[in-house]
Amino acid sequence: MVCLTGGGRGPVAAALARSGAPAGRECLDRLVGIYGRSNVFAELQRHLSRPEEGRNEWLRGEAARLRLAPLATNEPKLIARGDRPLLDVLTCIREHTTLEAAGRLLARNSEHFMKSGRVMERLFADCPEAVANTGELALRLGFTLKDLGYRFPDYPLPAARRRWAFYASSPTQEPATGTARGRSPRRHAARSSTRWP
């Protein structure tokens, strides 16, 4: 079993924010007591945030004191920087609010995107062991998406229809006629053959 100290929402950050450095140290000591020194990693993230960078510096110092390995992580919420508007909309849906009223519920910037190894190496040029430890931990865990064990549930389908043919059909398509509601069959065929990038 492995324990990461967590990013801005993790237990160490929460203890630091709530009660300062003594509480953060107590939390780290407790994690080491539970998981063992070789299984606790000091998780460092960089999203161009001063409070986060201050926490990183404190955590690096405490990791050295406890002889914990630093680990470079990212907490991605976006595939690419350009997906930020989508993240903002999804945040508003989750929080039951509008974009105009969301304020600080929205991410500070677009830095929570999926970063390549090269980008992470540049971000952590001052702490290359954190990037190296991330790769070593990934190999140690040997996790793949096949390990999730999730299977999309089966839904009842109309008789004599193959599953993927049914899923690929238009949601507005009339089952009996094969034409879309309110549209001509030719126009519907042109729209349904459109390929999205």
Protein backbone atom coordinates (compact mmCIF):
# COMPACT_ATOMS: atom_id res chain seq x y z
CA MET A 1 0.00 0.00 0.00
CA VAL A 2 1.26 3.46 -0.98
CA CYS A 3 0.28 6.88 0.39
CA LEU A 4 0.68 10.21 -1.37
CA THR A 5 0.52 13.29 0.83
CA GLY A 6 -2.05 14.82 -1.51
CA GLY A 7 -2.14 18.08 -3.38
CA GLY A 8 -4.02 21.19 -2.35
CA ARG A 9 -6.98 19.15 -1.11
CA GLY A 10 -4.98 16.44 0.66
CA PRO A 11 -4.72 15.88 4.40
CA VAL A 12 -1.35 17.59 4.79
CA ALA A 13 -2.50 20.74 2.96
CA ALA A 14 -5.69 20.77 5.03
CA ALA A 15 -3.73 20.45 8.29
CA LEU A 16 -1.36 23.24 7.21
CA ALA A 17 -4.24 25.54 6.28
CA ARG A 18 -6.17 24.77 9.45
CA SER A 19 -3.44 24.90 12.10
CA GLY A 20 -0.07 25.66 10.49
CA ALA A 21 3.25 23.82 10.34
CA PRO A 22 2.93 21.85 13.63
CA ALA A 23 -0.34 20.29 12.43
CA GLY A 24 1.20 19.54 9.03
CA ARG A 25 4.15 17.78 10.72
CA GLU A 26 1.79 15.80 12.93
CA CYS A 27 -0.18 14.69 9.86
CA LEU A 28 3.00 13.60 8.03
CA ASP A 29 4.23 11.73 11.12
CA ARG A 30 0.87 9.96 11.38
CA LEU A 31 0.99 8.93 7.69
CA VAL A 32 4.53 7.56 8.11
CA GLY A 33 3.36 5.65 11.21
CA ILE A 34 0.48 4.07 9.28
CA TYR A 35 2.08 3.34 5.89
CA GLY A 36 5.82 3.19 6.66
CA ARG A 37 8.55 5.53 5.48
CA SER A 38 9.15 3.78 2.14
CA ASN A 39 5.45 3.92 1.24
CA VAL A 40 4.75 7.62 1.89
CA PHE A 41 5.59 10.06 -0.90
CA ALA A 42 5.74 13.85 -0.57
CA GLU A 43 3.50 14.92 -3.42
CA LEU A 44 4.60 18.10 -5.21
CA GLN A 45 2.44 19.87 -7.78
CA ARG A 46 3.05 23.00 -9.83
CA HIS A 47 0.15 24.99 -11.26
CA LEU A 48 1.65 28.52 -11.16
CA SER A 49 0.17 29.25 -7.74
CA ARG A 50 2.12 31.02 -4.98
CA PRO A 51 0.33 29.27 -2.10
CA GLU A 52 1.00 25.90 -3.76
CA GLU A 53 4.67 26.75 -4.25
CA GLY A 54 4.98 27.74 -0.58
CA ARG A 55 3.42 24.42 0.40
CA ASN A 56 5.83 22.60 -1.93
CA GLU A 57 8.85 24.24 -0.28
CA TRP A 58 7.56 23.37 3.19
CA LEU A 59 6.82 19.80 2.09
CA ARG A 60 10.28 19.36 0.52
CA GLY A 61 11.87 20.42 3.80
CA GLU A 62 9.70 18.05 5.83
CA ALA A 63 10.30 15.23 3.36
CA ALA A 64 14.05 15.69 3.85
CA ARG A 65 13.57 15.65 7.64
CA LEU A 66 11.56 12.40 7.48
CA ARG A 67 13.58 10.94 4.59
CA LEU A 68 10.48 10.70 2.35
CA ALA A 69 10.79 10.55 -1.42
CA PRO A 70 9.42 13.58 -3.29
CA LEU A 71 6.95 12.80 -6.08
CA ALA A 72 5.98 15.08 -8.99
CA THR A 73 2.26 14.84 -9.70
CA ASN A 74 -0.13 16.99 -11.68
CA GLU A 75 -3.80 16.55 -10.66
CA PRO A 76 -5.01 16.94 -14.26
CA LYS A 77 -8.54 18.16 -14.78
CA LEU A 78 -8.14 18.97 -18.49
CA ILE A 79 -6.70 17.12 -21.46
CA ALA A 80 -5.37 20.37 -22.95
CA ARG A 81 -5.21 24.00 -21.82
CA GLY A 82 -7.86 24.89 -24.36
CA ASP A 83 -10.41 22.74 -22.52
CA ARG A 84 -10.68 25.30 -19.71
CA PRO A 85 -14.15 26.57 -20.76
CA LEU A 86 -15.46 23.00 -20.53
CA LEU A 87 -13.96 22.60 -17.04
CA ASP A 88 -15.63 25.83 -15.96
CA VAL A 89 -19.02 24.66 -17.24
CA LEU A 90 -18.68 21.25 -15.58
CA THR A 91 -17.69 22.94 -12.31
CA CYS A 92 -20.83 25.09 -12.49
CA ILE A 93 -22.98 22.02 -13.13
CA ARG A 94 -21.44 20.22 -10.14
CA GLU A 95 -21.86 23.27 -7.90
CA HIS A 96 -25.37 24.11 -9.19
CA THR A 97 -24.43 27.65 -10.14
CA THR A 98 -23.89 29.82 -13.20
CA LEU A 99 -20.64 30.96 -14.77
CA GLU A 100 -21.40 34.52 -13.70
CA ALA A 101 -21.92 33.50 -10.06
CA ALA A 102 -19.19 30.82 -9.80
CA GLY A 103 -16.37 33.17 -8.79
CA ARG A 104 -13.65 31.32 -6.84
CA LEU A 105 -15.27 27.93 -7.42
CA LEU A 106 -13.59 27.98 -10.84
CA ALA A 107 -9.95 26.94 -11.27
CA ARG A 108 -7.39 29.75 -10.85
CA ASN A 109 -5.79 29.09 -14.21
CA SER A 110 -5.51 26.51 -17.00
CA GLU A 111 -2.47 24.69 -15.59
CA HIS A 112 -4.36 21.55 -14.52
CA PHE A 113 -3.96 19.98 -17.97
CA MET A 114 -2.43 16.61 -18.79
CA LYS A 115 1.31 17.26 -19.01
CA SER A 116 3.90 15.21 -20.84
CA GLY A 117 7.03 13.86 -19.19
CA ARG A 118 9.11 16.62 -20.82
CA VAL A 119 6.84 19.35 -19.47
CA MET A 120 7.00 17.82 -15.98
CA GLU A 121 10.81 17.62 -16.21
CA ARG A 122 10.94 21.34 -17.07
CA LEU A 123 8.50 22.24 -14.27
CA PHE A 124 10.56 20.30 -11.73
CA ALA A 125 14.03 21.12 -13.07
CA ASP A 126 15.01 22.11 -9.52
CA CYS A 127 13.85 18.73 -8.16
CA PRO A 128 14.59 16.05 -10.82
CA GLU A 129 14.37 13.28 -8.22
CA ALA A 130 10.63 14.01 -7.89
CA VAL A 131 10.07 13.23 -11.59
CA ALA A 132 12.30 10.14 -11.40
CA ASN A 133 10.40 8.89 -8.34
CA THR A 134 7.12 9.30 -10.20
CA GLY A 135 8.34 6.96 -12.95
CA GLU A 136 9.67 4.45 -10.43
CA LEU A 137 6.40 4.45 -8.50
CA ALA A 138 4.41 3.94 -11.71
CA LEU A 139 6.53 0.87 -12.50
CA ARG A 140 6.19 -0.38 -8.93
CA LEU A 141 2.41 -0.14 -9.03
CA GLY A 142 2.06 -1.57 -12.54
CA PHE A 143 -1.44 -0.09 -12.90
CA THR A 144 -3.36 -0.09 -16.18
CA LEU A 145 -6.92 0.94 -17.00
CA LYS A 146 -7.75 -2.76 -17.31
CA ASP A 147 -7.31 -2.94 -13.53
CA LEU A 148 -10.36 -0.75 -12.94
CA GLY A 149 -12.70 -3.73 -13.13
CA TYR A 150 -15.50 -1.49 -14.41
CA ARG A 151 -17.86 -2.78 -17.04
CA PHE A 152 -20.44 -0.54 -18.66
CA PRO A 153 -23.89 -1.90 -17.72
CA ASP A 154 -26.01 -3.72 -20.28
CA TYR A 155 -29.24 -1.98 -21.23
CA PRO A 156 -32.23 -3.61 -22.91
CA LEU A 157 -32.03 -3.08 -26.66
CA PRO A 158 -34.73 -3.42 -29.32
CA ALA A 159 -35.07 -6.97 -30.67
CA ALA A 160 -32.69 -8.08 -33.43
CA ARG A 161 -30.37 -5.06 -33.06
CA ARG A 162 -26.68 -5.44 -32.50
CA ARG A 163 -25.32 -3.41 -29.59
CA TRP A 164 -22.81 -1.21 -31.43
CA ALA A 165 -25.19 -0.55 -34.32
CA PHE A 166 -27.78 0.64 -31.80
CA TYR A 167 -25.32 2.88 -29.95
CA ALA A 168 -24.02 4.37 -33.21
CA SER A 169 -27.51 5.33 -34.41
CA SER A 170 -28.77 8.87 -33.94
CA PRO A 171 -30.67 9.48 -30.68
CA THR A 172 -33.33 11.38 -32.65
CA GLN A 173 -33.81 8.58 -35.18
CA GLU A 174 -37.24 6.99 -35.39
CA PRO A 175 -36.78 3.20 -34.98
CA ALA A 176 -39.57 2.20 -37.39
CA THR A 177 -38.77 4.51 -40.34
CA GLY A 178 -35.07 5.21 -40.00
CA THR A 179 -35.72 8.92 -40.59
CA ALA A 180 -35.04 11.70 -38.16
CA ARG A 181 -37.96 13.59 -36.66
CA GLY A 182 -38.67 16.73 -38.68
CA ARG A 183 -35.87 16.14 -41.22
CA SER A 184 -35.68 14.55 -44.62
CA PRO A 185 -33.97 11.12 -44.85
CA ARG A 186 -31.29 12.48 -47.23
CA ARG A 187 -30.37 15.41 -44.94
CA HIS A 188 -30.32 13.09 -41.92
CA ALA A 189 -28.01 10.65 -43.72
CA ALA A 190 -25.58 13.46 -44.51
CA ARG A 191 -25.57 14.65 -40.89
CA SER A 192 -25.18 11.18 -39.38
CA SER A 193 -22.16 10.38 -41.57
CA THR A 194 -20.27 13.43 -40.28
CA ARG A 195 -17.03 12.46 -38.55
CA TRP A 196 -15.90 14.57 -35.62
CA PRO A 197 -12.19 15.12 -34.99
